[in-house]
Amino acid sequence: MDPKQIAKQMVAFNKTAFDNNFRAMQALQEQTERMVNKFWEKSPIFPDEGKKAIADWMEAYKKGCEDLKSAVDENFKKVEDFFKEAK
């Protein structure tokens, strides 16, 4: 088998593996966020400043995840383009 074809298949496999793992982590994070939000809504002891800090933290985490996903997708695209040009 052609080494370039093997490399293309390895890249495709790794991209699929990353995408699947990223979606699973994202689903877990969303479920955890819903659970934490329900807990904080019902907690009269927790101050509003603390709730805002946690909300800001969750938004920063989401933004970081989106940035990571964009960077990884961009780099996978570069690798795929490299192999397209290397025919």
N, C-alpha and C. Protein backbone atom coordinates (compact mmCIF):
# COMPACT_ATOMS: atom_id res chain seq x y z
N MET A 1 0.85 -1.18 0.00
CA MET A 1 0.00 0.00 0.00
C MET A 1 0.89 1.25 0.00
N ASP A 2 0.44 2.26 -0.64
CA ASP A 2 1.16 3.52 -0.77
C ASP A 2 1.30 4.21 0.60
N PRO A 3 2.50 4.64 0.99
CA PRO A 3 2.69 5.30 2.29
C PRO A 3 1.85 6.57 2.44
N LYS A 4 1.64 7.30 1.34
CA LYS A 4 0.81 8.51 1.41
C LYS A 4 -0.63 8.16 1.74
N GLN A 5 -1.11 7.07 1.18
CA GLN A 5 -2.48 6.63 1.46
C GLN A 5 -2.61 6.21 2.93
N ILE A 6 -1.58 5.54 3.43
CA ILE A 6 -1.60 5.14 4.84
C ILE A 6 -1.62 6.38 5.73
N ALA A 7 -0.81 7.36 5.40
CA ALA A 7 -0.77 8.60 6.19
C ALA A 7 -2.12 9.32 6.14
N LYS A 8 -2.74 9.36 4.97
CA LYS A 8 -4.07 9.99 4.85
C LYS A 8 -5.09 9.28 5.73
N GLN A 9 -5.05 7.95 5.73
CA GLN A 9 -5.98 7.18 6.56
C GLN A 9 -5.71 7.42 8.03
N MET A 10 -4.44 7.53 8.41
CA MET A 10 -4.11 7.80 9.82
C MET A 10 -4.63 9.17 10.24
N VAL A 11 -4.48 10.16 9.38
CA VAL A 11 -4.97 11.51 9.68
C VAL A 11 -6.49 11.48 9.81
N ALA A 12 -7.17 10.81 8.89
CA ALA A 12 -8.63 10.72 8.94
C ALA A 12 -9.09 10.01 10.22
N PHE A 13 -8.39 8.94 10.58
CA PHE A 13 -8.74 8.22 11.81
C PHE A 13 -8.56 9.12 13.03
N ASN A 14 -7.42 9.82 13.09
CA ASN A 14 -7.17 10.69 14.24
C ASN A 14 -8.15 11.85 14.31
N LYS A 15 -8.55 12.39 13.17
CA LYS A 15 -9.54 13.46 13.16
C LYS A 15 -10.88 12.95 13.67
N THR A 16 -11.28 11.77 13.21
CA THR A 16 -12.53 11.18 13.68
C THR A 16 -12.48 10.89 15.17
N ALA A 17 -11.37 10.36 15.63
CA ALA A 17 -11.21 10.06 17.06
C ALA A 17 -11.28 11.35 17.88
N PHE A 18 -10.60 12.40 17.42
CA PHE A 18 -10.64 13.68 18.14
C PHE A 18 -12.06 14.23 18.17
N ASP A 19 -12.73 14.24 17.02
CA ASP A 19 -14.09 14.79 16.95
C ASP A 19 -15.04 14.03 17.89
N ASN A 20 -14.94 12.71 17.90
CA ASN A 20 -15.82 11.91 18.76
C ASN A 20 -15.52 12.17 20.24
N ASN A 21 -14.25 12.22 20.59
CA ASN A 21 -13.89 12.49 21.99
C ASN A 21 -14.28 13.90 22.40
N PHE A 22 -14.10 14.85 21.50
CA PHE A 22 -14.46 16.23 21.81
C PHE A 22 -15.96 16.35 22.05
N ARG A 23 -16.76 15.71 21.20
CA ARG A 23 -18.22 15.75 21.38
C ARG A 23 -18.63 15.09 22.70
N ALA A 24 -17.97 13.99 23.07
CA ALA A 24 -18.29 13.32 24.34
C ALA A 24 -17.94 14.22 25.52
N MET A 25 -16.77 14.86 25.46
CA MET A 25 -16.38 15.76 26.54
C MET A 25 -17.32 16.96 26.63
N GLN A 26 -17.74 17.44 25.47
CA GLN A 26 -18.66 18.57 25.43
C GLN A 26 -20.01 18.19 26.04
N ALA A 27 -20.50 17.01 25.73
CA ALA A 27 -21.77 16.55 26.30
C ALA A 27 -21.65 16.39 27.81
N LEU A 28 -20.55 15.85 28.28
CA LEU A 28 -20.32 15.70 29.71
C LEU A 28 -20.27 17.06 30.40
N GLN A 29 -19.59 18.02 29.78
CA GLN A 29 -19.50 19.36 30.35
C GLN A 29 -20.87 20.01 30.41
N GLU A 30 -21.66 19.87 29.36
CA GLU A 30 -22.99 20.48 29.35
C GLU A 30 -23.89 19.86 30.42
N GLN A 31 -23.80 18.56 30.58
CA GLN A 31 -24.61 17.88 31.60
C GLN A 31 -24.17 18.33 32.99
N THR A 32 -22.87 18.43 33.21
CA THR A 32 -22.36 18.88 34.50
C THR A 32 -22.77 20.32 34.76
N GLU A 33 -22.71 21.15 33.73
CA GLU A 33 -23.12 22.55 33.88
C GLU A 33 -24.59 22.66 34.30
N ARG A 34 -25.45 21.86 33.65
CA ARG A 34 -26.88 21.89 34.03
C ARG A 34 -27.06 21.46 35.49
N MET A 35 -26.34 20.43 35.89
CA MET A 35 -26.45 19.92 37.26
C MET A 35 -25.96 20.97 38.27
N VAL A 36 -24.83 21.60 37.97
CA VAL A 36 -24.28 22.62 38.87
C VAL A 36 -25.23 23.82 38.94
N ASN A 37 -25.78 24.23 37.79
CA ASN A 37 -26.70 25.37 37.79
C ASN A 37 -27.93 25.07 38.64
N LYS A 38 -28.47 23.87 38.54
CA LYS A 38 -29.63 23.51 39.37
C LYS A 38 -29.27 23.58 40.86
N PHE A 39 -28.08 23.10 41.19
CA PHE A 39 -27.63 23.13 42.58
C PHE A 39 -27.50 24.56 43.08
N TRP A 40 -26.86 25.44 42.28
CA TRP A 40 -26.66 26.81 42.73
C TRP A 40 -27.97 27.58 42.81
N GLU A 41 -28.91 27.29 41.92
CA GLU A 41 -30.20 27.97 41.96
C GLU A 41 -30.93 27.69 43.27
N LYS A 42 -30.79 26.48 43.77
CA LYS A 42 -31.51 26.07 44.97
C LYS A 42 -30.75 26.40 46.26
N SER A 43 -29.51 26.85 46.15
CA SER A 43 -28.68 27.10 47.32
C SER A 43 -28.80 28.56 47.77
N PRO A 44 -29.50 28.80 48.87
CA PRO A 44 -29.64 30.18 49.36
C PRO A 44 -28.36 30.67 50.04
N ILE A 45 -27.48 29.77 50.38
CA ILE A 45 -26.25 30.12 51.10
C ILE A 45 -25.21 30.73 50.16
N PHE A 46 -25.19 30.27 48.92
CA PHE A 46 -24.16 30.69 47.97
C PHE A 46 -24.45 32.11 47.49
N PRO A 47 -23.50 33.04 47.62
CA PRO A 47 -23.76 34.45 47.24
C PRO A 47 -23.84 34.64 45.73
N ASP A 48 -24.48 35.73 45.34
CA ASP A 48 -24.63 36.04 43.92
C ASP A 48 -23.28 36.26 43.24
N GLU A 49 -22.32 36.84 43.98
CA GLU A 49 -20.98 37.04 43.40
C GLU A 49 -20.34 35.71 43.05
N GLY A 50 -20.54 34.71 43.89
CA GLY A 50 -20.01 33.37 43.63
C GLY A 50 -20.67 32.74 42.42
N LYS A 51 -21.99 32.92 42.31
CA LYS A 51 -22.71 32.39 41.16
C LYS A 51 -22.21 33.04 39.87
N LYS A 52 -21.97 34.36 39.93
CA LYS A 52 -21.47 35.06 38.74
C LYS A 52 -20.06 34.59 38.40
N ALA A 53 -19.24 34.36 39.41
CA ALA A 53 -17.87 33.89 39.16
C ALA A 53 -17.89 32.52 38.48
N ILE A 54 -18.76 31.65 38.92
CA ILE A 54 -18.86 30.32 38.32
C ILE A 54 -19.40 30.41 36.89
N ALA A 55 -20.38 31.28 36.68
CA ALA A 55 -20.92 31.48 35.32
C ALA A 55 -19.84 32.01 34.39
N ASP A 56 -19.04 32.97 34.87
CA ASP A 56 -17.94 33.51 34.06
C ASP A 56 -16.91 32.43 33.77
N TRP A 57 -16.63 31.61 34.75
CA TRP A 57 -15.67 30.52 34.60
C TRP A 57 -16.16 29.53 33.54
N MET A 58 -17.44 29.19 33.58
CA MET A 58 -18.01 28.26 32.59
C MET A 58 -17.96 28.85 31.19
N GLU A 59 -18.22 30.15 31.07
CA GLU A 59 -18.16 30.80 29.76
C GLU A 59 -16.72 30.82 29.23
N ALA A 60 -15.76 31.08 30.12
CA ALA A 60 -14.35 31.06 29.71
C ALA A 60 -13.95 29.66 29.26
N TYR A 61 -14.44 28.64 29.95
CA TYR A 61 -14.15 27.25 29.58
C TYR A 61 -14.73 26.94 28.20
N LYS A 62 -15.97 27.36 27.96
CA LYS A 62 -16.60 27.12 26.65
C LYS A 62 -15.82 27.81 25.54
N LYS A 63 -15.41 29.05 25.79
CA LYS A 63 -14.63 29.80 24.80
C LYS A 63 -13.32 29.09 24.52
N GLY A 64 -12.65 28.60 25.56
CA GLY A 64 -11.41 27.86 25.39
C GLY A 64 -11.62 26.59 24.57
N CYS A 65 -12.72 25.89 24.83
CA CYS A 65 -13.03 24.68 24.06
C CYS A 65 -13.27 25.00 22.60
N GLU A 66 -14.01 26.07 22.34
CA GLU A 66 -14.26 26.48 20.96
C GLU A 66 -12.96 26.85 20.24
N ASP A 67 -12.08 27.56 20.95
CA ASP A 67 -10.79 27.93 20.37
C ASP A 67 -9.94 26.70 20.08
N LEU A 68 -9.94 25.75 21.00
CA LEU A 68 -9.19 24.50 20.80
C LEU A 68 -9.73 23.76 19.59
N LYS A 69 -11.04 23.62 19.50
CA LYS A 69 -11.66 22.90 18.39
C LYS A 69 -11.32 23.58 17.06
N SER A 70 -11.38 24.90 17.03
CA SER A 70 -11.05 25.63 15.81
C SER A 70 -9.59 25.42 15.41
N ALA A 71 -8.69 25.49 16.38
CA ALA A 71 -7.27 25.30 16.09
C ALA A 71 -6.98 23.89 15.59
N VAL A 72 -7.58 22.89 16.22
CA VAL A 72 -7.36 21.51 15.81
C VAL A 72 -7.94 21.28 14.42
N ASP A 73 -9.14 21.77 14.16
CA ASP A 73 -9.75 21.61 12.84
C ASP A 73 -8.90 22.28 11.75
N GLU A 74 -8.39 23.46 12.06
CA GLU A 74 -7.54 24.18 11.11
C GLU A 74 -6.27 23.39 10.82
N ASN A 75 -5.67 22.82 11.84
CA ASN A 75 -4.44 22.05 11.63
C ASN A 75 -4.70 20.73 10.90
N PHE A 76 -5.81 20.08 11.18
CA PHE A 76 -6.16 18.88 10.42
C PHE A 76 -6.36 19.25 8.94
N LYS A 77 -6.98 20.40 8.69
CA LYS A 77 -7.19 20.85 7.32
C LYS A 77 -5.85 21.08 6.63
N LYS A 78 -4.89 21.67 7.34
CA LYS A 78 -3.56 21.90 6.76
C LYS A 78 -2.88 20.58 6.40
N VAL A 79 -2.99 19.60 7.28
CA VAL A 79 -2.38 18.30 7.02
C VAL A 79 -3.07 17.64 5.82
N GLU A 80 -4.39 17.70 5.78
CA GLU A 80 -5.11 17.11 4.63
C GLU A 80 -4.72 17.79 3.33
N ASP A 81 -4.58 19.12 3.35
CA ASP A 81 -4.17 19.85 2.15
C ASP A 81 -2.76 19.47 1.75
N PHE A 82 -1.89 19.26 2.72
CA PHE A 82 -0.51 18.85 2.43
C PHE A 82 -0.50 17.53 1.66
N PHE A 83 -1.32 16.58 2.11
CA PHE A 83 -1.34 15.28 1.43
C PHE A 83 -2.03 15.35 0.08
N LYS A 84 -2.95 16.29 -0.10
CA LYS A 84 -3.58 16.47 -1.41
C LYS A 84 -2.56 16.99 -2.42
N GLU A 85 -1.70 17.89 -1.96
CA GLU A 85 -0.68 18.48 -2.83
C GLU A 85 0.45 17.50 -3.12
N ALA A 86 0.66 16.54 -2.24
CA ALA A 86 1.80 15.63 -2.35
C ALA A 86 1.51 14.43 -3.24
N LYS A 87 0.54 14.50 -4.09
CA LYS A 87 0.19 13.37 -4.97
C LYS A 87 1.29 13.01 -5.83
